[in-house]
Protein backbone atom coordinates (compact mmCIF):
# COMPACT_ATOMS: atom_id res chain seq x y z
CA MET A 1 -23.12 -25.79 -11.33
CA GLU A 2 -22.83 -29.17 -9.61
CA HIS A 3 -25.35 -31.73 -10.88
CA PRO A 4 -27.12 -34.15 -8.49
CA ASP A 5 -25.84 -37.73 -8.60
CA ARG A 6 -27.97 -40.73 -9.49
CA LEU A 7 -28.52 -41.69 -5.82
CA PHE A 8 -29.85 -38.21 -5.08
CA LEU A 9 -32.30 -38.36 -8.00
CA ASP A 10 -33.52 -41.89 -7.26
CA PHE A 11 -33.97 -41.15 -3.56
CA GLN A 12 -35.89 -37.96 -4.37
CA SER A 13 -38.21 -39.94 -6.63
CA ALA A 14 -38.89 -42.39 -3.79
CA LEU A 15 -39.67 -39.51 -1.40
CA ALA A 16 -41.82 -37.52 -3.83
CA GLY A 17 -44.72 -35.75 -2.14
CA ARG A 18 -43.33 -36.23 1.37
CA TYR A 19 -39.82 -34.77 1.41
CA SER A 20 -38.05 -32.41 -0.96
CA LEU A 21 -34.29 -32.99 -0.98
CA GLU A 22 -32.17 -29.84 -1.21
CA ARG A 23 -28.54 -30.92 -0.97
CA GLU A 24 -26.14 -33.43 0.53
CA VAL A 25 -24.60 -32.21 3.79
CA GLY A 26 -22.50 -35.19 4.85
CA ARG A 27 -21.39 -38.69 4.02
CA GLY A 28 -19.88 -41.38 6.24
CA GLY A 29 -19.44 -45.09 6.60
CA MET A 30 -22.98 -45.64 7.88
CA GLY A 31 -24.91 -43.31 5.61
CA VAL A 32 -25.48 -40.19 3.57
CA VAL A 33 -27.11 -37.13 5.15
CA TYR A 34 -29.31 -34.78 3.11
CA LEU A 35 -30.89 -31.48 3.98
CA ALA A 36 -34.55 -31.72 3.01
CA ARG A 37 -37.91 -30.09 3.62
CA GLU A 38 -40.84 -32.03 5.00
CA VAL A 39 -43.65 -31.06 2.61
CA ARG A 40 -46.65 -31.52 4.89
CA LEU A 41 -45.25 -29.59 7.86
CA ASP A 42 -43.04 -27.26 5.79
CA ARG A 43 -40.04 -27.67 8.07
CA PRO A 44 -36.37 -28.40 7.39
CA VAL A 45 -35.16 -31.88 8.30
CA ALA A 46 -31.98 -33.87 7.97
CA ILE A 47 -32.45 -37.28 6.37
CA LYS A 48 -29.91 -40.01 6.96
CA LEU A 49 -29.94 -42.69 4.27
CA LEU A 50 -28.30 -46.06 4.42
CA PRO A 51 -26.52 -46.43 1.04
CA PRO A 52 -28.44 -48.88 -1.18
CA SER A 53 -25.23 -50.84 -1.73
CA LYS A 54 -25.40 -51.80 1.94
CA THR A 55 -29.10 -52.47 2.34
CA ALA A 56 -28.61 -55.94 0.91
CA ASP A 57 -26.53 -56.81 3.99
CA PRO A 58 -29.07 -57.84 6.64
CA LYS A 59 -26.62 -57.11 9.45
CA LEU A 60 -25.90 -53.57 8.30
CA ARG A 61 -29.55 -52.96 7.56
CA GLU A 62 -30.55 -54.08 11.03
CA ARG A 63 -27.81 -52.01 12.67
CA PHE A 64 -28.96 -48.94 10.81
CA LEU A 65 -32.58 -49.44 11.82
CA ARG A 66 -31.50 -50.14 15.39
CA GLU A 67 -29.69 -46.78 15.38
CA ALA A 68 -32.81 -44.95 14.37
CA ARG A 69 -35.12 -46.78 16.75
CA THR A 70 -32.70 -46.37 19.64
CA ALA A 71 -32.19 -42.66 19.01
CA ALA A 72 -35.92 -42.11 18.46
CA LYS A 73 -36.56 -43.19 22.06
CA LEU A 74 -34.34 -40.43 23.42
CA SER A 75 -36.01 -37.13 24.26
CA HIS A 76 -33.57 -34.62 25.72
CA PRO A 77 -32.73 -30.96 24.99
CA ASN A 78 -29.16 -31.95 24.08
CA VAL A 79 -30.03 -34.91 21.83
CA ILE A 80 -31.11 -34.46 18.21
CA SER A 81 -34.68 -35.74 17.93
CA ILE A 82 -35.76 -38.36 15.40
CA HIS A 83 -39.03 -37.58 13.55
CA ALA A 84 -39.53 -40.77 11.53
CA VAL A 85 -37.90 -44.12 10.69
CA GLU A 86 -38.95 -45.60 7.35
CA GLU A 87 -38.28 -48.05 4.54
CA THR A 88 -39.57 -47.19 1.06
CA GLY A 89 -38.69 -48.21 -2.48
CA GLY A 90 -35.65 -50.14 -1.31
CA PHE A 91 -34.36 -47.20 0.69
CA VAL A 92 -33.86 -47.30 4.46
CA PHE A 93 -33.68 -43.90 6.16
CA PHE A 94 -34.73 -41.77 9.08
CA ALA A 95 -35.63 -38.07 9.31
CA MET A 96 -34.37 -35.98 12.20
CA ALA A 97 -34.38 -32.35 13.29
CA TYR A 98 -32.08 -30.16 11.21
CA VAL A 99 -29.63 -28.07 13.24
CA GLU A 100 -28.35 -24.86 11.69
CA GLY A 101 -24.84 -24.47 13.03
CA GLU A 102 -21.48 -26.23 13.06
CA THR A 103 -19.84 -29.28 14.54
CA LEU A 104 -17.34 -29.01 17.36
CA THR A 105 -14.65 -30.12 14.90
CA GLU A 106 -15.48 -27.21 12.59
CA ARG A 107 -15.45 -24.72 15.45
CA VAL A 108 -12.05 -25.81 16.75
CA ARG A 109 -10.57 -25.91 13.24
CA ARG A 110 -11.94 -22.43 12.56
CA ARG A 111 -11.12 -20.72 15.84
CA GLY A 112 -8.42 -22.87 17.42
CA PRO A 113 -8.58 -24.20 20.99
CA LEU A 114 -11.70 -23.02 22.80
CA PRO A 115 -11.64 -20.86 25.93
CA PRO A 116 -11.93 -23.10 29.01
CA SER A 117 -15.33 -21.69 29.99
CA GLU A 118 -16.80 -22.39 26.54
CA ALA A 119 -15.25 -25.86 26.32
CA ALA A 120 -16.46 -26.77 29.82
CA ARG A 121 -20.00 -25.67 28.96
CA ILE A 122 -20.03 -27.76 25.75
CA LEU A 123 -18.60 -30.82 27.51
CA ARG A 124 -21.05 -30.45 30.38
CA ASP A 125 -24.02 -30.33 27.99
CA VAL A 126 -22.74 -33.41 26.16
CA ALA A 127 -22.26 -35.16 29.52
CA TRP A 128 -25.86 -34.33 30.42
CA ALA A 129 -27.07 -35.83 27.13
CA LEU A 130 -24.98 -38.97 27.62
CA ALA A 131 -26.09 -39.31 31.24
CA TYR A 132 -29.69 -39.26 30.06
CA ALA A 133 -28.96 -41.83 27.33
CA HIS A 134 -27.09 -44.05 29.78
CA GLY A 135 -30.09 -43.86 32.10
CA GLN A 136 -32.18 -45.21 29.22
CA GLY A 137 -29.73 -48.08 28.74
CA VAL A 138 -28.06 -46.59 25.66
CA VAL A 139 -24.29 -46.33 25.14
CA HIS A 140 -23.27 -44.06 22.26
CA ARG A 141 -19.92 -45.72 21.40
CA ASP A 142 -18.93 -43.04 18.89
CA VAL A 143 -18.60 -39.81 20.89
CA LYS A 144 -16.45 -37.44 18.83
CA PRO A 145 -16.43 -33.75 17.81
CA ASP A 146 -18.08 -34.56 14.46
CA ASN A 147 -21.11 -35.85 16.37
CA ILE A 148 -21.42 -32.76 18.58
CA LEU A 149 -23.32 -29.89 16.97
CA ILE A 150 -23.47 -26.29 18.19
CA GLU A 151 -26.63 -24.49 17.14
CA GLN A 152 -26.16 -21.11 15.53
CA GLY A 153 -27.56 -18.21 17.52
CA SER A 154 -28.59 -20.08 20.67
CA GLY A 155 -25.29 -21.91 21.16
CA ARG A 156 -27.24 -25.02 22.19
CA VAL A 157 -25.18 -28.22 22.13
CA LEU A 158 -26.69 -31.36 20.61
CA VAL A 159 -25.35 -34.90 20.38
CA ALA A 160 -25.94 -36.69 17.09
CA ASP A 161 -25.47 -40.08 15.50
CA PHE A 162 -26.18 -42.85 17.92
CA GLY A 163 -25.31 -44.92 14.86
CA ILE A 164 -23.44 -47.64 16.72
CA ALA A 165 -25.16 -47.26 20.04
CA GLY A 166 -26.30 -50.38 21.80
CA VAL A 167 -28.96 -51.11 24.36
CA VAL A 168 -27.57 -52.24 27.68
CA ALA A 169 -29.71 -54.68 29.59
CA GLY A 170 -29.74 -53.64 33.23
CA ALA A 171 -26.22 -53.19 34.56
CA GLY A 172 -24.66 -55.38 31.93
CA ALA A 173 -22.37 -54.27 29.12
CA LEU A 174 -22.63 -54.51 25.37
CA VAL A 175 -21.73 -57.77 23.74
CA ALA A 176 -18.00 -58.05 23.14
CA GLY A 177 -16.19 -59.03 19.97
CA GLU A 178 -17.06 -56.17 17.62
CA VAL A 179 -14.78 -53.15 17.23
CA VAL A 180 -16.75 -50.14 16.00
CA GLY A 181 -16.07 -46.45 16.46
CA THR A 182 -13.45 -43.82 15.57
CA PRO A 183 -9.89 -44.86 16.55
CA GLU A 184 -8.75 -41.44 17.82
CA PHE A 185 -11.70 -41.28 20.25
CA MET A 186 -12.04 -44.96 21.15
CA SER A 187 -11.61 -46.27 24.68
CA PRO A 188 -8.98 -48.96 25.33
CA GLU A 189 -11.62 -51.60 26.09
CA GLN A 190 -13.51 -50.72 22.91
CA ALA A 191 -10.28 -50.89 20.88
CA LEU A 192 -9.69 -54.40 22.23
CA GLY A 193 -13.17 -55.49 21.21
CA GLU A 194 -14.13 -56.06 24.83
CA ALA A 195 -17.50 -55.39 26.43
CA VAL A 196 -18.10 -51.68 26.94
CA ASP A 197 -20.46 -49.66 29.09
CA ALA A 198 -21.09 -46.00 29.88
CA ARG A 199 -17.50 -45.55 31.08
CA SER A 200 -16.32 -46.04 27.50
CA ASP A 201 -18.28 -42.93 26.49
CA LEU A 202 -16.55 -41.11 29.37
CA TYR A 203 -13.16 -41.90 27.87
CA SER A 204 -14.26 -40.71 24.43
CA LEU A 205 -15.66 -37.50 25.93
CA GLY A 206 -12.30 -36.99 27.66
CA VAL A 207 -10.58 -37.15 24.26
CA VAL A 208 -13.15 -34.67 22.91
CA GLY A 209 -12.34 -32.33 25.80
CA TYR A 210 -8.62 -32.70 25.19
CA PHE A 211 -9.15 -31.77 21.54
CA ALA A 212 -11.46 -28.83 22.30
CA LEU A 213 -9.07 -27.30 24.85
CA SER A 214 -5.75 -27.93 23.10
CA GLY A 215 -6.60 -28.30 19.41
CA THR A 216 -4.65 -31.57 19.38
CA LEU A 217 -5.38 -35.22 20.09
CA PRO A 218 -3.70 -37.27 22.84
CA PHE A 219 -2.97 -40.10 20.38
CA GLU A 220 -2.22 -39.69 16.69
CA ALA A 221 -0.55 -41.89 14.06
CA ALA A 222 -0.58 -42.46 10.31
CA LYS A 223 -2.41 -45.79 10.61
CA ALA A 224 -5.61 -46.52 12.50
CA THR A 225 -4.06 -49.68 13.96
CA ASP A 226 -1.20 -47.63 15.43
CA VAL A 227 -3.69 -45.23 17.02
CA LEU A 228 -5.59 -48.14 18.55
CA ALA A 229 -2.33 -49.60 19.90
CA LYS A 230 -1.56 -46.29 21.60
CA GLN A 231 -5.05 -46.10 23.06
CA VAL A 232 -4.46 -49.49 24.68
CA THR A 233 -0.82 -49.24 25.79
CA GLU A 234 0.16 -45.57 26.29
CA ALA A 235 -0.92 -43.19 29.02
CA ALA A 236 -2.46 -40.00 27.71
CA PRO A 237 -0.20 -36.96 28.16
CA PRO A 238 -1.59 -34.57 30.82
CA LEU A 239 -3.81 -31.88 29.34
CA ALA A 240 -1.74 -29.23 31.15
CA SER A 241 1.23 -30.11 28.93
CA ALA A 242 -0.77 -29.40 25.75
CA ALA A 243 -2.83 -26.47 27.06
CA PRO A 244 -1.05 -24.78 29.99
CA GLY A 245 -3.73 -22.11 30.39
CA VAL A 246 -6.54 -24.53 31.27
CA PRO A 247 -7.72 -24.18 34.91
CA ARG A 248 -6.49 -27.02 37.07
CA ARG A 249 -9.91 -28.37 38.05
CA LEU A 250 -11.03 -28.64 34.44
CA ALA A 251 -7.75 -30.28 33.40
CA GLN A 252 -8.10 -32.80 36.24
CA ALA A 253 -11.60 -33.76 35.10
CA ILE A 254 -10.39 -34.38 31.54
CA ASP A 255 -7.29 -36.31 32.66
CA ARG A 256 -9.40 -38.53 34.88
CA CYS A 257 -11.71 -39.41 31.97
CA LEU A 258 -8.64 -40.61 30.05
CA ALA A 259 -7.68 -43.21 32.65
CA LYS A 260 -6.95 -46.58 31.03
CA ASP A 261 -8.79 -48.51 33.72
CA PRO A 262 -12.55 -47.77 33.54
CA ALA A 263 -12.70 -47.98 37.33
CA ASP A 264 -10.42 -44.92 37.59
CA ARG A 265 -12.74 -42.72 35.51
CA PRO A 266 -15.50 -40.55 37.05
CA ASP A 267 -18.48 -42.41 38.46
CA GLY A 268 -20.74 -41.84 35.49
CA THR A 269 -21.43 -39.00 33.08
CA ALA A 270 -23.76 -37.32 35.59
CA THR A 271 -20.83 -37.08 38.01
CA LEU A 272 -18.65 -35.68 35.22
CA ALA A 273 -21.32 -33.10 34.38
CA GLU A 274 -21.26 -32.01 38.02
CA GLN A 275 -17.47 -31.77 37.97
CA LEU A 276 -17.60 -29.68 34.80
CA SER A 277 -20.15 -27.39 36.45
CA HIS A 278 -17.66 -26.96 39.30
CA ALA A 279 -14.96 -26.23 36.73
CA LEU A 280 -17.19 -23.60 35.12
CA GLU A 281 -17.34 -21.83 38.45
CA GLN A 282 -13.80 -22.69 39.62
CA ARG A 283 -13.28 -18.96 40.14
CA ARG A 284 -16.39 -18.84 42.28
CA GLU A 285 -17.86 -15.41 42.80
CA LEU A 286 -15.62 -13.61 45.26
CA PRO A 287 -17.04 -11.06 47.70
CA VAL A 288 -17.30 -7.55 46.29
CA ALA A 289 -14.68 -6.20 48.71
CA LEU A 290 -12.06 -8.66 47.43
CA ARG A 291 -13.01 -8.11 43.79
CA ALA A 292 -12.75 -4.34 44.19
CA PHE A 293 -9.40 -4.64 45.96
CA VAL A 294 -7.83 -6.91 43.33
CA LYS A 295 -9.14 -4.89 40.37
CA HIS A 296 -8.64 -1.37 41.72
CA ASP A 297 -7.45 -0.77 45.29
CA ALA A 298 -4.40 -3.02 45.07
CA ARG A 299 -2.91 -0.83 42.34
CA LEU A 300 -1.48 2.65 42.18
CA ASP A 301 -3.05 3.63 38.90
CA GLY A 302 -5.67 5.97 37.53
CA GLY A 303 -5.63 9.62 36.56
CA GLY A 304 -4.45 10.84 39.96
CA VAL A 305 -1.38 8.64 39.81
CA LEU A 306 -0.48 9.97 36.37
CA ILE A 307 -0.68 13.59 37.57
CA TYR A 308 0.99 13.00 40.95
CA PRO A 309 4.64 12.64 39.75
CA PHE A 310 4.41 15.91 37.85
CA ALA A 311 2.81 17.61 40.84
CA MET A 312 5.74 16.52 42.99
CA LEU A 313 8.18 18.18 40.58
CA PHE A 314 6.54 21.48 41.50
CA ALA A 315 5.92 20.68 45.18
CA ALA A 316 9.55 19.76 45.98
CA PRO A 317 11.09 23.09 44.82
CA LEU A 318 8.27 24.95 46.57
CA ALA A 319 9.00 23.10 49.82
CA GLY A 320 12.70 23.86 49.43
CA TRP A 321 11.96 27.56 48.90
CA LEU A 322 9.59 27.71 51.89
CA GLY A 323 12.01 25.73 54.07
CA GLY A 324 14.96 27.78 52.98
CA SER A 325 17.12 24.77 52.05
CA VAL A 326 17.68 22.24 49.32
CA ALA A 327 17.40 19.46 51.92
CA ALA A 328 13.77 20.36 52.62
CA GLY A 329 12.93 20.12 48.94
CA PHE A 330 14.78 16.82 48.59
CA ALA A 331 13.07 15.40 51.68
CA THR A 332 9.69 16.41 50.26
CA LEU A 333 10.53 14.72 46.96
CA VAL A 334 11.61 11.47 48.67
CA ALA A 335 8.58 11.45 50.95
CA GLY A 336 6.28 12.18 48.04
CA TYR A 337 7.55 9.23 46.04
CA THR A 338 7.77 6.74 48.97
CA VAL A 339 5.85 7.63 52.13
CA VAL A 340 2.72 8.95 50.43
CA PRO A 341 2.22 5.92 48.08
CA LEU A 342 2.89 3.55 50.97
CA GLY A 343 0.36 5.46 53.06
CA VAL A 344 -2.22 5.06 50.31
CA LEU A 345 -1.59 1.31 50.15
CA VAL A 346 -1.76 0.97 53.96
CA ASN A 347 -5.10 2.77 53.96
CA ARG A 348 -6.45 0.40 51.32
CA ALA A 349 -5.25 -2.58 53.36
CA ARG A 350 -7.03 -1.06 56.38
CA ARG A 351 -10.27 -0.83 54.42
CA LEU A 352 -10.02 -4.48 53.43
CA LEU A 353 -9.34 -5.49 57.04
CA LYS A 354 -12.45 -3.57 58.15
CA ALA A 355 -14.45 -5.56 55.60
CA GLY A 356 -13.42 -8.75 57.40
CA PHE A 357 -10.60 -9.94 55.13
CA GLY A 358 -6.92 -10.50 55.84
CA HIS A 359 -3.66 -10.90 54.00
CA SER A 360 -4.21 -14.68 53.69
CA ASP A 361 -7.30 -14.12 51.52
CA LEU A 362 -5.40 -12.31 48.76
CA GLY A 363 -3.69 -15.34 47.24
CA VAL A 364 -6.94 -16.92 46.03
CA ALA A 365 -8.36 -13.55 44.91
CA PHE A 366 -5.35 -12.64 42.78
CA LYS A 367 -5.15 -16.18 41.38
CA ALA A 368 -8.79 -15.97 40.28
CA GLU A 369 -8.24 -12.59 38.60
CA ILE A 370 -5.06 -13.70 36.81
CA GLU A 371 -6.65 -16.94 35.58
CA ARG A 372 -9.69 -15.03 34.33
CA GLY A 373 -7.47 -12.59 32.47
CA ARG A 374 -5.36 -15.41 31.03
CA GLU A 375 -8.47 -17.16 29.72
CA GLU A 376 -9.85 -14.00 28.11
CA ARG A 377 -6.51 -13.11 26.53
CA ALA A 378 -5.99 -16.66 25.24
CA PHE A 379 -9.28 -16.41 23.39
CA GLY A 380 -8.26 -13.13 21.73
CA VAL A 381 -4.53 -13.45 21.07
CA GLY A 382 -3.54 -17.02 21.92
CA HIS A 383 -1.19 -18.39 24.55
CA GLY A 384 2.27 -17.61 23.19
CA PRO A 385 4.02 -14.65 21.56
CA SER A 386 3.04 -13.93 17.97
CA LEU A 387 5.46 -13.84 15.05
CA ILE A 388 5.39 -10.01 15.04
CA GLU A 389 6.21 -9.91 18.75
CA ARG A 390 9.19 -12.23 18.28
CA ILE A 391 10.46 -10.13 15.35
CA LEU A 392 10.11 -6.91 17.37
CA LYS A 393 12.03 -8.50 20.25
CA ARG A 394 14.93 -9.26 17.92
CA ILE A 395 14.81 -5.75 16.45
CA ALA A 396 14.91 -4.24 19.94
CA ALA A 397 17.83 -6.44 20.99
CA VAL A 398 19.84 -5.68 17.83
CA SER A 399 19.04 -1.95 17.98
CA PHE A 400 20.12 -1.56 21.59
CA SER A 401 23.26 -3.60 20.90
CA VAL A 402 24.18 -1.34 17.95
CA ALA A 403 23.47 1.76 20.02
CA GLY A 404 25.65 0.45 22.88
CA LEU A 405 28.52 -0.38 20.55
CA GLY A 406 28.20 3.07 18.96
CA ILE A 407 28.38 4.80 22.34
CA PHE A 408 31.39 2.69 23.31
CA ALA A 409 33.13 3.47 20.00
CA GLY A 410 32.42 7.17 20.37
CA ALA A 411 33.78 7.23 23.92
CA THR A 412 36.99 5.37 23.08
CA LEU A 413 37.77 6.24 19.47
CA GLY A 414 35.83 9.41 18.98
CA GLY A 415 33.21 9.83 16.30
CA GLY A 416 31.49 12.31 14.08
CA ASP A 417 27.98 13.07 13.00
CA ALA A 418 27.57 9.73 11.22
CA LEU A 419 28.23 7.76 14.40
CA PHE A 420 25.93 10.02 16.40
CA SER A 421 23.15 9.52 13.85
CA LEU A 422 23.65 5.75 13.94
CA VAL A 423 23.39 5.73 17.74
CA ALA A 424 20.30 7.95 17.70
CA ILE A 425 18.54 5.88 15.03
CA SER A 426 19.41 2.57 16.73
CA ALA A 427 18.29 3.79 20.15
CA GLY A 428 15.06 5.16 18.69
CA ALA A 429 14.33 1.89 16.89
CA GLY A 430 15.08 -0.05 20.07
CA LEU A 431 12.76 2.13 22.16
CA ILE A 432 9.91 1.94 19.67
CA SER A 433 10.16 -1.82 19.13
CA GLY A 434 10.70 -2.45 22.86
CA PHE A 435 7.64 -0.40 23.76
CA SER A 436 5.63 -2.31 21.14
CA VAL A 437 6.76 -5.61 22.67
CA LEU A 438 5.58 -4.43 26.09
CA VAL A 439 2.20 -3.48 24.66
CA MET A 440 1.84 -6.91 23.04
CA LEU A 441 2.99 -8.62 26.23
CA GLN A 442 0.32 -6.75 28.16
CA ARG A 443 -2.27 -8.01 25.65
CA ARG A 444 -1.17 -11.62 26.25
CA ARG A 445 -0.59 -11.42 29.99
CA ASP A 446 -2.11 -9.37 32.75
CA VAL A 447 1.28 -7.97 33.76
CA ASP A 448 -0.28 -5.47 36.17
CA SER A 449 -2.20 -8.12 38.10
CA GLU A 450 0.84 -10.41 38.20
CA PHE A 451 3.05 -7.58 39.55
CA TRP A 452 0.59 -6.37 42.19
CA GLY A 453 -0.29 -9.94 43.09
CA ARG A 454 3.36 -10.73 43.87
CA LEU A 455 3.66 -7.47 45.81
CA TRP A 456 0.58 -7.95 47.99
CA THR A 457 0.97 -11.68 48.61
CA GLY A 458 4.68 -11.33 49.45
CA ARG A 459 6.55 -9.83 52.38
CA LEU A 460 5.77 -6.22 51.48
CA GLY A 461 2.04 -6.96 51.40
CA ARG A 462 2.23 -8.75 54.74
CA TRP A 463 4.11 -5.73 56.15
CA LEU A 464 1.49 -3.29 54.81
CA PHE A 465 -1.31 -5.31 56.43
CA GLY A 466 0.67 -5.43 59.66
CA ILE A 467 0.90 -1.62 59.75
CA ALA A 468 -2.78 -1.25 58.82
CA ARG A 469 -4.12 -3.70 61.41
CA PRO A 470 -3.96 -1.38 64.48
CA PHE A 471 -5.95 1.23 62.54
CA ALA A 472 -8.65 -1.17 61.33
CA GLY A 473 -10.52 -1.36 64.62
CA ALA A 474 -12.55 -4.42 65.58
CA LYS A 475 -12.77 -6.94 62.76
CA ALA A 476 -16.08 -6.61 60.99
CA ILE A 477 -18.50 -9.53 60.83
CA PRO A 478 -17.97 -10.92 57.35
CA ALA A 479 -20.75 -10.25 54.90
CA SER A 480 -22.24 -12.77 52.53
CA LEU A 481 -19.60 -15.03 50.98
CA THR A 482 -16.85 -13.61 53.17
CA HIS A 483 -15.64 -17.08 54.14
CA ARG A 484 -15.51 -18.18 50.52
CA PRO A 485 -11.78 -17.46 49.95
CA THR A 486 -10.88 -19.63 52.96
CA GLU A 487 -12.97 -22.48 51.57
CA LEU A 488 -11.35 -22.09 48.18
CA SER A 489 -7.91 -22.13 49.79
CA ILE A 490 -8.73 -25.31 51.69
CA GLY A 491 -10.12 -26.90 48.52
CA MET A 492 -7.04 -25.99 46.51
CA ALA A 493 -4.75 -27.29 49.26
CA ALA A 494 -6.69 -30.58 49.30
CA GLU A 495 -6.36 -30.89 45.52
CA GLN A 496 -2.61 -30.22 45.67
CA LEU A 497 -2.19 -32.80 48.45
CA TYR A 498 -4.20 -35.33 46.40
CA GLU A 499 -1.99 -34.73 43.34
CA SER A 500 1.16 -35.36 45.39
CA LEU A 501 -0.02 -38.79 46.55
CA PRO A 502 1.18 -42.02 44.87
CA LYS A 503 -1.02 -43.34 42.08
CA GLU A 504 -2.25 -46.29 44.11
CA THR A 505 -3.24 -44.02 47.01
CA GLN A 506 -5.00 -41.67 44.59
CA ARG A 507 -6.96 -44.62 43.26
CA GLN A 508 -8.04 -45.59 46.77
CA LEU A 509 -9.03 -41.98 47.53
CA ARG A 510 -10.33 -41.10 44.07
CA ASP A 511 -13.58 -39.64 45.47
CA LEU A 512 -11.73 -37.20 47.75
CA PRO A 513 -11.75 -34.17 45.34
CA ASP A 514 -15.50 -34.56 44.81
CA VAL A 515 -16.08 -34.82 48.55
CA VAL A 516 -14.11 -31.60 49.14
CA HIS A 517 -16.11 -29.78 46.48
CA ARG A 518 -19.39 -30.96 48.00
CA LEU A 519 -18.26 -29.84 51.46
CA GLU A 520 -17.51 -26.38 50.09
CA ASP A 521 -21.02 -26.16 48.65
CA ASP A 522 -22.60 -27.57 51.81
CA ALA A 523 -20.81 -24.96 53.93
CA GLN A 524 -22.10 -22.21 51.65
CA ARG A 525 -25.71 -23.47 51.78
CA THR A 526 -25.52 -23.84 55.56
CA ARG A 527 -24.48 -20.21 55.94
CA HIS A 528 -27.34 -19.09 53.71
CA ARG A 529 -29.80 -20.98 55.93
CA LEU A 530 -28.28 -19.51 59.09
CA ARG A 531 -28.51 -15.98 57.71
CA ARG A 532 -32.16 -16.48 56.77
CA SER A 533 -32.99 -17.89 60.22
CA ARG A 534 -31.07 -15.15 62.11
CA PRO A 535 -33.50 -12.51 63.48
CA SER A 536 -33.03 -9.09 61.93
CA ALA A 537 -31.85 -6.21 64.07
């Protein structure tokens, strides 16, 4: 059993009758955190104590008290509330709400990189908290995963430890000359000891997002001074290079936060929160007709498809017998395996055309489905092949090679039962391991959606829609959200054009992506108003 240390015992004596200390839960440069129970209200609290060895330093003592008083002014659902700030018996401390849960650091270390939707939600909630604090004139200056808590059960995100926050007077910045913070999450201007403002927190939140989505940091080194040098002099590697599965809009928001020049970062944490909300819905709800087509109608699958090939094996001989020739049976077989499936696909294209959609709408729909599947699979099995999958690939390759050499040896040199057994065993091992690899590949990648997406968005799909168009009749008036794929396509094209521009031009047009996103939303709201004002039939 671990015995309490002298500080624990002395502090408990000073708090007797008011708080009952239970255990130490954390220790850092600016204090020790204890889990305690407030006796009068019978509620759990976290108490942060400035170590007595530091209370003799007036500067540290004042900074600690300033932390508590600053944080106590903040009242927001995503900010940990301060209950009391006190000095007693030589101890300086404050009591705050206790959060049962884990830090963002602990979650990423335990589970690995977070799914984009979960990471975007956490970052958005932190951005909301920071936007509120910035509106109160408070800059956090130590935004990092250790200071972001995720409440157990509810999943609520709370920002903690405004321990080195400063109060900004009006539009001014904090006084320069003091370097405080965590090197891996520190903005370039903060690393240089320059004046910082809310945009410094944006940079730190960008590093947090990079870590949450990739499990790595943009800048790492053995020494803190080397990390700070990189923060100042090196451009952050694009998030897409560390986490290829992250949706483009989310990756762009993170990359923009990591701009060295504060002027190139988003226009405030409220703007970033809005961008993250857009990223959360970057696969905006597609119309039901498109969703049904991508998930079901675009594919030749289901129970009927499994039975159909066997049915044709009986239908072809029957047709040959009724037609009195082998050619009739063969023609039936060919038609059954080509014309009939194509007819089914043409009919499904016709149904989509009648719903008001065309071939040009499929690209966005399939992209949304594939990205959704990639995100879900990344959460379950990761991005790349597992060790077992790589081993099975090698087994399959070796087995098929041995089987091929055995067949070649038997055909040229002759062979007996031993060679036949070797070929049979090798081929069997190759088939089993190869099939297992395909199963694992399907778990990592939505192979079906990728295949049918290429088919429908390519020349064959365009040809199928061309055949179906004369049979679709007059184009139906699109239902609610029918224009959404076109808006998404325009938005994506605008983003791609923006990315292809020179850096200087991007800087001059840095608000363009946000403008495009707002126009998409405005178009949607306008249609809703028009539909409500349109007289019913």
